[in-house]
Amino acid sequence: MTKGISMAQDYDSPRNKDEDEESLQALGKSSQNTSNDMDDDENAIAEDYELPGADLSNEDASVTVIPMQGDEFICSECFLVKHRSQLAYTTDDGQPVCQECAA
């Protein structure tokens, strides 16, 4: 037989069980490591999100509230504080309405 020519593989012949067991053990170890890593990643991602309706009563707000300025008004329709440049009109009873609500 010459070098470089290989024999045909007999796929019906029995396989070596030791190699199969070793490869299964290696696969099991690698899948356990990746599943633990994935669990850690999922937990880290989940901590960043807040669910709607979640109880946040024990959380402290870290927002600085600035008092309403002299050039601002509260829209009588949406109750948002708007700059006077966004004033569309004033109702008959003197209530301001912003451009978004007037549209």
PDB file of N, CA and C in Angstrom:
ATOM      1  N   MET A   1       0.840  -1.165   0.000  1.00  0.00           N
ATOM      2  CA  MET A   1       0.000   0.000   0.000  1.00  0.00           C
ATOM      3  C   MET A   1       0.892   1.237   0.000  1.00  0.00           C
ATOM      4  N   THR A   2       0.517   2.274  -0.720  1.00  0.00           N
ATOM      5  CA  THR A   2       1.330   3.478  -0.805  1.00  0.00           C
ATOM      6  C   THR A   2       0.875   4.488   0.228  1.00  0.00           C
ATOM      7  N   LYS A   3       1.794   5.380   0.558  1.00  0.00           N
ATOM      8  CA  LYS A   3       1.464   6.428   1.523  1.00  0.00           C
ATOM      9  C   LYS A   3       0.479   7.410   0.919  1.00  0.00           C
ATOM     10  N   GLY A   4      -0.405   7.959   1.735  1.00  0.00           N
ATOM     11  CA  GLY A   4      -1.348   8.959   1.278  1.00  0.00           C
ATOM     12  C   GLY A   4      -2.700   8.377   0.918  1.00  0.00           C
ATOM     13  N   ILE A   5      -2.761   7.095   0.665  1.00  0.00           N
ATOM     14  CA  ILE A   5      -4.046   6.481   0.352  1.00  0.00           C
ATOM     15  C   ILE A   5      -4.562   5.840   1.629  1.00  0.00           C
ATOM     16  N   SER A   6      -5.773   6.181   1.989  1.00  0.00           N
ATOM     17  CA  SER A   6      -6.328   5.630   3.224  1.00  0.00           C
ATOM     18  C   SER A   6      -7.376   4.590   2.886  1.00  0.00           C
ATOM     19  N   MET A   7      -7.608   3.743   3.846  1.00  0.00           N
ATOM     20  CA  MET A   7      -8.601   2.689   3.683  1.00  0.00           C
ATOM     21  C   MET A   7     -10.000   3.286   3.845  1.00  0.00           C
ATOM     22  N   ALA A   8     -10.949   2.667   3.243  1.00  0.00           N
ATOM     23  CA  ALA A   8     -12.336   3.102   3.369  1.00  0.00           C
ATOM     24  C   ALA A   8     -12.818   2.856   4.795  1.00  0.00           C
ATOM     25  N   GLN A   9     -13.639   3.734   5.274  1.00  0.00           N
ATOM     26  CA  GLN A   9     -14.182   3.640   6.637  1.00  0.00           C
ATOM     27  C   GLN A   9     -15.377   2.700   6.631  1.00  0.00           C
ATOM     28  N   ASP A  10     -15.392   1.765   7.549  1.00  0.00           N
ATOM     29  CA  ASP A  10     -16.527   0.862   7.692  1.00  0.00           C
ATOM     30  C   ASP A  10     -17.429   1.429   8.783  1.00  0.00           C
ATOM     31  N   TYR A  11     -18.511   2.057   8.386  1.00  0.00           N
ATOM     32  CA  TYR A  11     -19.400   2.710   9.337  1.00  0.00           C
ATOM     33  C   TYR A  11     -20.275   1.727  10.103  1.00  0.00           C
ATOM     34  N   ASP A  12     -20.319   0.483   9.663  1.00  0.00           N
ATOM     35  CA  ASP A  12     -21.104  -0.529  10.363  1.00  0.00           C
ATOM     36  C   ASP A  12     -20.324  -1.201  11.482  1.00  0.00           C
ATOM     37  N   SER A  13     -19.026  -0.989  11.530  1.00  0.00           N
ATOM     38  CA  SER A  13     -18.210  -1.642  12.553  1.00  0.00           C
ATOM     39  C   SER A  13     -18.482  -1.003  13.912  1.00  0.00           C
ATOM     40  N   PRO A  14     -18.346  -1.770  15.002  1.00  0.00           N
ATOM     41  CA  PRO A  14     -18.572  -1.219  16.342  1.00  0.00           C
ATOM     42  C   PRO A  14     -17.545  -0.129  16.656  1.00  0.00           C
ATOM     43  N   ARG A  15     -18.005   0.868  17.363  1.00  0.00           N
ATOM     44  CA  ARG A  15     -17.128   1.987  17.700  1.00  0.00           C
ATOM     45  C   ARG A  15     -16.524   1.766  19.073  1.00  0.00           C
ATOM     46  N   ASN A  16     -15.481   2.505  19.350  1.00  0.00           N
ATOM     47  CA  ASN A  16     -14.793   2.428  20.628  1.00  0.00           C
ATOM     48  C   ASN A  16     -15.639   3.161  21.676  1.00  0.00           C
ATOM     49  N   LYS A  17     -16.097   2.441  22.672  1.00  0.00           N
ATOM     50  CA  LYS A  17     -16.977   3.007  23.697  1.00  0.00           C
ATOM     51  C   LYS A  17     -16.248   4.004  24.598  1.00  0.00           C
ATOM     52  N   ASP A  18     -14.956   3.799  24.849  1.00  0.00           N
ATOM     53  CA  ASP A  18     -14.206   4.709  25.712  1.00  0.00           C
ATOM     54  C   ASP A  18     -14.175   6.116  25.127  1.00  0.00           C
ATOM     55  N   GLU A  19     -13.953   6.212  23.836  1.00  0.00           N
ATOM     56  CA  GLU A  19     -13.917   7.524  23.198  1.00  0.00           C
ATOM     57  C   GLU A  19     -15.277   8.203  23.279  1.00  0.00           C
ATOM     58  N   ASP A  20     -16.336   7.417  23.103  1.00  0.00           N
ATOM     59  CA  ASP A  20     -17.682   7.976  23.186  1.00  0.00           C
ATOM     60  C   ASP A  20     -17.965   8.518  24.581  1.00  0.00           C
ATOM     61  N   GLU A  21     -17.586   7.765  25.604  1.00  0.00           N
ATOM     62  CA  GLU A  21     -17.838   8.199  26.978  1.00  0.00           C
ATOM     63  C   GLU A  21     -17.035   9.450  27.305  1.00  0.00           C
ATOM     64  N   GLU A  22     -15.777   9.492  26.855  1.00  0.00           N
ATOM     65  CA  GLU A  22     -14.945  10.666  27.119  1.00  0.00           C
ATOM     66  C   GLU A  22     -15.522  11.903  26.436  1.00  0.00           C
ATOM     67  N   SER A  23     -15.969  11.737  25.206  1.00  0.00           N
ATOM     68  CA  SER A  23     -16.513  12.890  24.495  1.00  0.00           C
ATOM     69  C   SER A  23     -17.826  13.352  25.129  1.00  0.00           C
ATOM     70  N   LEU A  24     -18.635  12.409  25.617  1.00  0.00           N
ATOM     71  CA  LEU A  24     -19.874  12.786  26.294  1.00  0.00           C
ATOM     72  C   LEU A  24     -19.592  13.535  27.591  1.00  0.00           C
ATOM     73  N   GLN A  25     -18.580  13.087  28.331  1.00  0.00           N
ATOM     74  CA  GLN A  25     -18.219  13.769  29.572  1.00  0.00           C
ATOM     75  C   GLN A  25     -17.709  15.174  29.269  1.00  0.00           C
ATOM     76  N   ALA A  26     -16.908  15.310  28.235  1.00  0.00           N
ATOM     77  CA  ALA A  26     -16.392  16.627  27.866  1.00  0.00           C
ATOM     78  C   ALA A  26     -17.529  17.551  27.444  1.00  0.00           C
ATOM     79  N   LEU A  27     -18.481  17.023  26.702  1.00  0.00           N
ATOM     80  CA  LEU A  27     -19.633  17.827  26.300  1.00  0.00           C
ATOM     81  C   LEU A  27     -20.455  18.244  27.511  1.00  0.00           C
ATOM     82  N   GLY A  28     -20.635  17.340  28.455  1.00  0.00           N
ATOM     83  CA  GLY A  28     -21.390  17.655  29.661  1.00  0.00           C
ATOM     84  C   GLY A  28     -20.736  18.760  30.465  1.00  0.00           C
ATOM     85  N   LYS A  29     -19.424  18.706  30.598  1.00  0.00           N
ATOM     86  CA  LYS A  29     -18.708  19.738  31.347  1.00  0.00           C
ATOM     87  C   LYS A  29     -18.816  21.085  30.658  1.00  0.00           C
ATOM     88  N   SER A  30     -18.639  21.110  29.354  1.00  0.00           N
ATOM     89  CA  SER A  30     -18.680  22.387  28.646  1.00  0.00           C
ATOM     90  C   SER A  30     -20.082  22.979  28.659  1.00  0.00           C
ATOM     91  N   SER A  31     -21.123  22.145  28.577  1.00  0.00           N
ATOM     92  CA  SER A  31     -22.487  22.677  28.595  1.00  0.00           C
ATOM     93  C   SER A  31     -22.844  23.206  29.980  1.00  0.00           C
ATOM     94  N   GLN A  32     -22.317  22.604  31.042  1.00  0.00           N
ATOM     95  CA  GLN A  32     -22.575  23.114  32.389  1.00  0.00           C
ATOM     96  C   GLN A  32     -21.931  24.474  32.564  1.00  0.00           C
ATOM     97  N   ASN A  33     -20.717  24.649  32.072  1.00  0.00           N
ATOM     98  CA  ASN A  33     -20.036  25.933  32.198  1.00  0.00           C
ATOM     99  C   ASN A  33     -20.775  27.020  31.437  1.00  0.00           C
ATOM    100  N   THR A  34     -21.204  26.726  30.226  1.00  0.00           N
ATOM    101  CA  THR A  34     -21.888  27.747  29.446  1.00  0.00           C
ATOM    102  C   THR A  34     -23.257  28.059  30.025  1.00  0.00           C
ATOM    103  N   SER A  35     -23.954  27.076  30.584  1.00  0.00           N
ATOM    104  CA  SER A  35     -25.271  27.361  31.153  1.00  0.00           C
ATOM    105  C   SER A  35     -25.133  28.231  32.398  1.00  0.00           C
ATOM    106  N   ASN A  36     -24.098  28.029  33.202  1.00  0.00           N
ATOM    107  CA  ASN A  36     -23.886  28.883  34.368  1.00  0.00           C
ATOM    108  C   ASN A  36     -23.574  30.305  33.932  1.00  0.00           C
ATOM    109  N   ASP A  37     -22.753  30.452  32.893  1.00  0.00           N
ATOM    110  CA  ASP A  37     -22.434  31.781  32.386  1.00  0.00           C
ATOM    111  C   ASP A  37     -23.681  32.468  31.853  1.00  0.00           C
ATOM    112  N   MET A  38     -24.518  31.710  31.166  1.00  0.00           N
ATOM    113  CA  MET A  38     -25.737  32.285  30.615  1.00  0.00           C
ATOM    114  C   MET A  38     -26.680  32.709  31.727  1.00  0.00           C
ATOM    115  N   ASP A  39     -26.784  31.934  32.795  1.00  0.00           N
ATOM    116  CA  ASP A  39     -27.643  32.299  33.914  1.00  0.00           C
ATOM    117  C   ASP A  39     -27.170  33.603  34.544  1.00  0.00           C
ATOM    118  N   ASP A  40     -25.857  33.752  34.700  1.00  0.00           N
ATOM    119  CA  ASP A  40     -25.317  34.979  35.273  1.00  0.00           C
ATOM    120  C   ASP A  40     -25.641  36.172  34.385  1.00  0.00           C
ATOM    121  N   ASP A  41     -25.491  35.999  33.067  1.00  0.00           N
ATOM    122  CA  ASP A  41     -25.784  37.085  32.142  1.00  0.00           C
ATOM    123  C   ASP A  41     -27.255  37.467  32.195  1.00  0.00           C
ATOM    124  N   GLU A  42     -28.141  36.483  32.243  1.00  0.00           N
ATOM    125  CA  GLU A  42     -29.571  36.766  32.290  1.00  0.00           C
ATOM    126  C   GLU A  42     -29.934  37.501  33.575  1.00  0.00           C
ATOM    127  N   ASN A  43     -29.333  37.109  34.692  1.00  0.00           N
ATOM    128  CA  ASN A  43     -29.625  37.784  35.955  1.00  0.00           C
ATOM    129  C   ASN A  43     -29.134  39.220  35.922  1.00  0.00           C
ATOM    130  N   ALA A  44     -27.967  39.450  35.341  1.00  0.00           N
ATOM    131  CA  ALA A  44     -27.432  40.803  35.264  1.00  0.00           C
ATOM    132  C   ALA A  44     -28.310  41.678  34.379  1.00  0.00           C
ATOM    133  N   ILE A  45     -28.794  41.128  33.294  1.00  0.00           N
ATOM    134  CA  ILE A  45     -29.660  41.889  32.396  1.00  0.00           C
ATOM    135  C   ILE A  45     -30.991  42.176  33.077  1.00  0.00           C
ATOM    136  N   ALA A  46     -31.540  41.197  33.771  1.00  0.00           N
ATOM    137  CA  ALA A  46     -32.843  41.361  34.414  1.00  0.00           C
ATOM    138  C   ALA A  46     -32.795  42.414  35.516  1.00  0.00           C
ATOM    139  N   GLU A  47     -31.657  42.592  36.165  1.00  0.00           N
ATOM    140  CA  GLU A  47     -31.555  43.579  37.230  1.00  0.00           C
ATOM    141  C   GLU A  47     -31.651  45.001  36.690  1.00  0.00           C
ATOM    142  N   ASP A  48     -31.330  45.202  35.409  1.00  0.00           N
ATOM    143  CA  ASP A  48     -31.342  46.535  34.830  1.00  0.00           C
ATOM    144  C   ASP A  48     -32.739  47.010  34.440  1.00  0.00           C
ATOM    145  N   TYR A  49     -33.700  46.116  34.354  1.00  0.00           N
ATOM    146  CA  TYR A  49     -35.035  46.476  33.901  1.00  0.00           C
ATOM    147  C   TYR A  49     -36.008  46.576  35.070  1.00  0.00           C
ATOM    148  N   GLU A  50     -36.926  47.530  34.943  1.00  0.00           N
ATOM    149  CA  GLU A  50     -37.989  47.663  35.935  1.00  0.00           C
ATOM    150  C   GLU A  50     -39.296  47.250  35.274  1.00  0.00           C
ATOM    151  N   LEU A  51     -40.030  46.401  35.933  1.00  0.00           N
ATOM    152  CA  LEU A  51     -41.297  45.943  35.391  1.00  0.00           C
ATOM    153  C   LEU A  51     -42.385  46.967  35.667  1.00  0.00           C
ATOM    154  N   PRO A  52     -43.310  47.152  34.719  1.00  0.00           N
ATOM    155  CA  PRO A  52     -44.416  48.070  34.978  1.00  0.00           C
ATOM    156  C   PRO A  52     -45.270  47.549  36.132  1.00  0.00           C
ATOM    157  N   GLY A  53     -45.640  48.439  37.009  1.00  0.00           N
ATOM    158  CA  GLY A  53     -46.458  48.049  38.149  1.00  0.00           C
ATOM    159  C   GLY A  53     -45.656  47.447  39.288  1.00  0.00           C
ATOM    160  N   ALA A  54     -44.330  47.448  39.180  1.00  0.00           N
ATOM    161  CA  ALA A  54     -43.495  46.879  40.232  1.00  0.00           C
ATOM    162  C   ALA A  54     -43.551  47.775  41.467  1.00  0.00           C
ATOM    163  N   ASP A  55     -43.456  47.176  42.635  1.00  0.00           N
ATOM    164  CA  ASP A  55     -43.488  47.917  43.893  1.00  0.00           C
ATOM    165  C   ASP A  55     -42.133  48.572  44.114  1.00  0.00           C
ATOM    166  N   LEU A  56     -42.073  49.877  43.941  1.00  0.00           N
ATOM    167  CA  LEU A  56     -40.836  50.629  44.130  1.00  0.00           C
ATOM    168  C   LEU A  56     -40.930  51.535  45.350  1.00  0.00           C
ATOM    169  N   SER A  57     -41.774  51.167  46.312  1.00  0.00           N
ATOM    170  CA  SER A  57     -41.987  52.022  47.472  1.00  0.00           C
ATOM    171  C   SER A  57     -40.746  52.142  48.349  1.00  0.00           C
ATOM    172  N   ASN A  58     -39.866  51.165  48.305  1.00  0.00           N
ATOM    173  CA  ASN A  58     -38.665  51.243  49.139  1.00  0.00           C
ATOM    174  C   ASN A  58     -37.478  51.835  48.380  1.00  0.00           C
ATOM    175  N   GLU A  59     -37.696  52.306  47.151  1.00  0.00           N
ATOM    176  CA  GLU A  59     -36.633  52.907  46.352  1.00  0.00           C
ATOM    177  C   GLU A  59     -36.628  54.417  46.559  1.00  0.00           C
ATOM    178  N   ASP A  60     -35.447  55.016  46.553  1.00  0.00           N
ATOM    179  CA  ASP A  60     -35.315  56.462  46.655  1.00  0.00           C
ATOM    180  C   ASP A  60     -35.171  57.051  45.259  1.00  0.00           C
ATOM    181  N   ALA A  61     -35.902  58.124  44.993  1.00  0.00           N
ATOM    182  CA  ALA A  61     -35.801  58.797  43.708  1.00  0.00           C
ATOM    183  C   ALA A  61     -34.558  59.681  43.711  1.00  0.00           C
ATOM    184  N   SER A  62     -33.834  59.664  42.626  1.00  0.00           N
ATOM    185  CA  SER A  62     -32.622  60.473  42.540  1.00  0.00           C
ATOM    186  C   SER A  62     -32.786  61.544  41.465  1.00  0.00           C
ATOM    187  N   VAL A  63     -33.951  62.194  41.438  1.00  0.00           N
ATOM    188  CA  VAL A  63     -34.252  63.219  40.449  1.00  0.00           C
ATOM    189  C   VAL A  63     -34.266  64.571  41.148  1.00  0.00           C
ATOM    190  N   THR A  64     -33.610  65.539  40.542  1.00  0.00           N
ATOM    191  CA  THR A  64     -33.630  66.891  41.079  1.00  0.00           C
ATOM    192  C   THR A  64     -34.814  67.625  40.471  1.00  0.00           C
ATOM    193  N   VAL A  65     -35.706  68.102  41.308  1.00  0.00           N
ATOM    194  CA  VAL A  65     -36.900  68.799  40.840  1.00  0.00           C
ATOM    195  C   VAL A  65     -36.622  70.294  40.844  1.00  0.00           C
ATOM    196  N   ILE A  66     -36.831  70.920  39.678  1.00  0.00           N
ATOM    197  CA  ILE A  66     -36.624  72.361  39.541  1.00  0.00           C
ATOM    198  C   ILE A  66     -37.994  73.026  39.577  1.00  0.00           C
ATOM    199  N   PRO A  67     -38.181  74.057  40.398  1.00  0.00           N
ATOM    200  CA  PRO A  67     -39.483  74.727  40.464  1.00  0.00           C
ATOM    201  C   PRO A  67     -39.862  75.343  39.110  1.00  0.00           C
ATOM    202  N   MET A  68     -41.159  75.516  38.897  1.00  0.00           N
ATOM    203  CA  MET A  68     -41.640  76.099  37.647  1.00  0.00           C
ATOM    204  C   MET A  68     -41.095  77.519  37.501  1.00  0.00           C
ATOM    205  N   GLN A  69     -40.618  77.846  36.312  1.00  0.00           N
ATOM    206  CA  GLN A  69     -40.028  79.152  36.034  1.00  0.00           C
ATOM    207  C   GLN A  69     -41.116  80.152  35.639  1.00  0.00           C
ATOM    208  N   GLY A  70     -40.758  81.420  35.616  1.00  0.00           N
ATOM    209  CA  GLY A  70     -41.713  82.477  35.286  1.00  0.00           C
ATOM    210  C   GLY A  70     -42.204  82.423  33.854  1.00  0.00           C
ATOM    211  N   ASP A  71     -41.422  81.845  32.948  1.00  0.00           N
ATOM    212  CA  ASP A  71     -41.818  81.777  31.536  1.00  0.00           C
ATOM    213  C   ASP A  71     -42.445  80.431  31.176  1.00  0.00           C
ATOM    214  N   GLU A  72     -42.974  79.726  32.172  1.00  0.00           N
ATOM    215  CA  GLU A  72     -43.597  78.426  31.945  1.00  0.00           C
ATOM    216  C   GLU A  72     -45.048  78.460  32.409  1.00  0.00           C
ATOM    217  N   PHE A  73     -45.841  77.536  31.911  1.00  0.00           N
ATOM    218  CA  PHE A  73     -47.240  77.411  32.309  1.00  0.00           C
ATOM    219  C   PHE A  73     -47.595  75.936  32.400  1.00  0.00           C
ATOM    220  N   ILE A  74     -48.695  75.652  33.086  1.00  0.00           N
ATOM    221  CA  ILE A  74     -49.199  74.281  33.183  1.00  0.00           C
ATOM    222  C   ILE A  74     -50.404  74.184  32.258  1.00  0.00           C
ATOM    223  N   CYS A  75     -50.317  73.277  31.300  1.00  0.00           N
ATOM    224  CA  CYS A  75     -51.411  73.077  30.352  1.00  0.00           C
ATOM    225  C   CYS A  75     -52.618  72.518  31.101  1.00  0.00           C
ATOM    226  N   SER A  76     -53.795  73.076  30.819  1.00  0.00           N
ATOM    227  CA  SER A  76     -55.008  72.626  31.515  1.00  0.00           C
ATOM    228  C   SER A  76     -55.552  71.322  30.938  1.00  0.00           C
ATOM    229  N   GLU A  77     -55.006  70.857  29.812  1.00  0.00           N
ATOM    230  CA  GLU A  77     -55.453  69.604  29.201  1.00  0.00           C
ATOM    231  C   GLU A  77     -54.565  68.422  29.610  1.00  0.00           C
ATOM    232  N   CYS A  78     -53.237  68.572  29.444  1.00  0.00           N
ATOM    233  CA  CYS A  78     -52.326  67.449  29.717  1.00  0.00           C
ATOM    234  C   CYS A  78     -51.605  67.592  31.057  1.00  0.00           C
ATOM    235  N   PHE A  79     -51.722  68.754  31.691  1.00  0.00           N
ATOM    236  CA  PHE A  79     -51.139  69.033  33.009  1.00  0.00           C
ATOM    237  C   PHE A  79     -49.616  68.944  33.023  1.00  0.00           C
ATOM    238  N   LEU A  80     -48.991  69.186  31.882  1.00  0.00           N
ATOM    239  CA  LEU A  80     -47.535  69.234  31.804  1.00  0.00           C
ATOM    240  C   LEU A  80     -47.070  70.678  31.872  1.00  0.00           C
ATOM    241  N   VAL A  81     -45.876  70.876  32.424  1.00  0.00           N
ATOM    242  CA  VAL A  81     -45.288  72.206  32.458  1.00  0.00           C
ATOM    243  C   VAL A  81     -44.640  72.452  31.106  1.00  0.00           C
ATOM    244  N   LYS A  82     -45.047  73.539  30.447  1.00  0.00           N
ATOM    245  CA  LYS A  82     -44.565  73.872  29.106  1.00  0.00           C
ATOM    246  C   LYS A  82     -43.972  75.271  29.111  1.00  0.00           C
ATOM    247  N   HIS A  83     -43.089  75.545  28.142  1.00  0.00           N
ATOM    248  CA  HIS A  83     -42.539  76.887  27.957  1.00  0.00           C
ATOM    249  C   HIS A  83     -43.605  77.753  27.301  1.00  0.00           C
ATOM    250  N   ARG A  84     -43.557  79.051  27.563  1.00  0.00           N
ATOM    251  CA  ARG A  84     -44.608  79.936  27.031  1.00  0.00           C
ATOM    252  C   ARG A  84     -44.635  79.957  25.501  1.00  0.00           C
ATOM    253  N   SER A  85     -43.536  79.565  24.852  1.00  0.00           N
ATOM    254  CA  SER A  85     -43.531  79.508  23.388  1.00  0.00           C
ATOM    255  C   SER A  85     -44.439  78.395  22.870  1.00  0.00           C
ATOM    256  N   GLN A  86     -44.869  77.480  23.741  1.00  0.00           N
ATOM    257  CA  GLN A  86     -45.746  76.380  23.340  1.00  0.00           C
ATOM    258  C   GLN A  86     -47.210  76.652  23.677  1.00  0.00           C
ATOM    259  N   LEU A  87     -47.507  77.873  24.093  1.00  0.00           N
ATOM    260  CA  LEU A  87     -48.889  78.235  24.429  1.00  0.00           C
ATOM    261  C   LEU A  87     -49.685  78.427  23.140  1.00  0.00           C
ATOM    262  N   ALA A  88     -50.773  77.686  22.988  1.00  0.00           N
ATOM    263  CA  ALA A  88     -51.625  77.797  21.801  1.00  0.00           C
ATOM    264  C   ALA A  88     -52.700  78.861  22.027  1.00  0.00           C
ATOM    265  N   TYR A  89     -53.421  78.738  23.126  1.00  0.00           N
ATOM    266  CA  TYR A  89     -54.465  79.707  23.452  1.00  0.00           C
ATOM    267  C   TYR A  89     -54.815  79.581  24.926  1.00  0.00           C
ATOM    268  N   THR A  90     -55.614  80.528  25.377  1.00  0.00           N
ATOM    269  CA  THR A  90     -56.126  80.509  26.745  1.00  0.00           C
ATOM    270  C   THR A  90     -57.641  80.370  26.654  1.00  0.00           C
ATOM    271  N   THR A  91     -58.202  79.475  27.444  1.00  0.00           N
ATOM    272  CA  THR A  91     -59.650  79.245  27.415  1.00  0.00           C
ATOM    273  C   THR A  91     -60.389  80.469  27.951  1.00  0.00           C
ATOM    274  N   ASP A  92     -61.709  80.452  27.833  1.00  0.00           N
ATOM    275  CA  ASP A  92     -62.538  81.576  28.293  1.00  0.00           C
ATOM    276  C   ASP A  92     -62.381  81.829  29.785  1.00  0.00           C
ATOM    277  N   ASP A  93     -62.139  80.774  30.549  1.00  0.00           N
ATOM    278  CA  ASP A  93     -61.965  80.951  31.998  1.00  0.00           C
ATOM    279  C   ASP A  93     -60.499  81.148  32.382  1.00  0.00           C
ATOM    280  N   GLY A  94     -59.603  81.418  31.392  1.00  0.00           N
ATOM    281  CA  GLY A  94     -58.219  81.767  31.678  1.00  0.00           C
ATOM    282  C   GLY A  94     -57.255  80.597  31.798  1.00  0.00           C
ATOM    283  N   GLN A  95     -57.670  79.414  31.409  1.00  0.00           N
ATOM    284  CA  GLN A  95     -56.804  78.236  31.504  1.00  0.00           C
ATOM    285  C   GLN A  95     -55.952  78.104  30.231  1.00  0.00           C
ATOM    286  N   PRO A  96     -54.626  77.984  30.368  1.00  0.00           N
ATOM    287  CA  PRO A  96     -53.765  77.858  29.184  1.00  0.00           C
ATOM    288  C   PRO A  96     -53.812  76.445  28.590  1.00  0.00           C
ATOM    289  N   VAL A  97     -53.679  76.365  27.262  1.00  0.00           N
ATOM    290  CA  VAL A  97     -53.660  75.091  26.542  1.00  0.00           C
ATOM    291  C   VAL A  97     -52.433  75.098  25.638  1.00  0.00           C
ATOM    292  N   CYS A  98     -51.667  74.007  25.670  1.00  0.00           N
ATOM    293  CA  CYS A  98     -50.445  73.926  24.856  1.00  0.00           C
ATOM    294  C   CYS A  98     -50.778  73.589  23.403  1.00  0.00           C
ATOM    295  N   GLN A  99     -49.782  73.752  22.518  1.00  0.00           N
ATOM    296  CA  GLN A  99     -49.978  73.507  21.086  1.00  0.00           C
ATOM    297  C   GLN A  99     -50.286  72.045  20.791  1.00  0.00           C
ATOM    298  N   GLU A 100     -49.689  71.132  21.529  1.00  0.00           N
ATOM    299  CA  GLU A 100     -49.943  69.706  21.287  1.00  0.00           C
ATOM    300  C   GLU A 100     -51.388  69.344  21.592  1.00  0.00           C
ATOM    301  N   CYS A 101     -51.928  69.869  22.678  1.00  0.00           N
ATOM    302  CA  CYS A 101     -53.311  69.561  23.039  1.00  0.00           C
ATOM    303  C   CYS A 101     -54.287  70.290  22.124  1.00  0.00           C
ATOM    304  N   ALA A 102     -53.903  71.446  21.608  1.00  0.00           N
ATOM    305  CA  ALA A 102     -54.777  72.207  20.726  1.00  0.00           C
ATOM    306  C   ALA A 102     -54.874  71.574  19.347  1.00  0.00           C
ATOM    307  N   ALA A 103     -53.896  70.773  18.970  1.00  0.00           N
ATOM    308  CA  ALA A 103     -53.884  70.164  17.620  1.00  0.00           C
ATOM    309  C   ALA A 103     -54.892  69.060  17.487  1.00  0.00           C
TER     310      ALA A 103
END
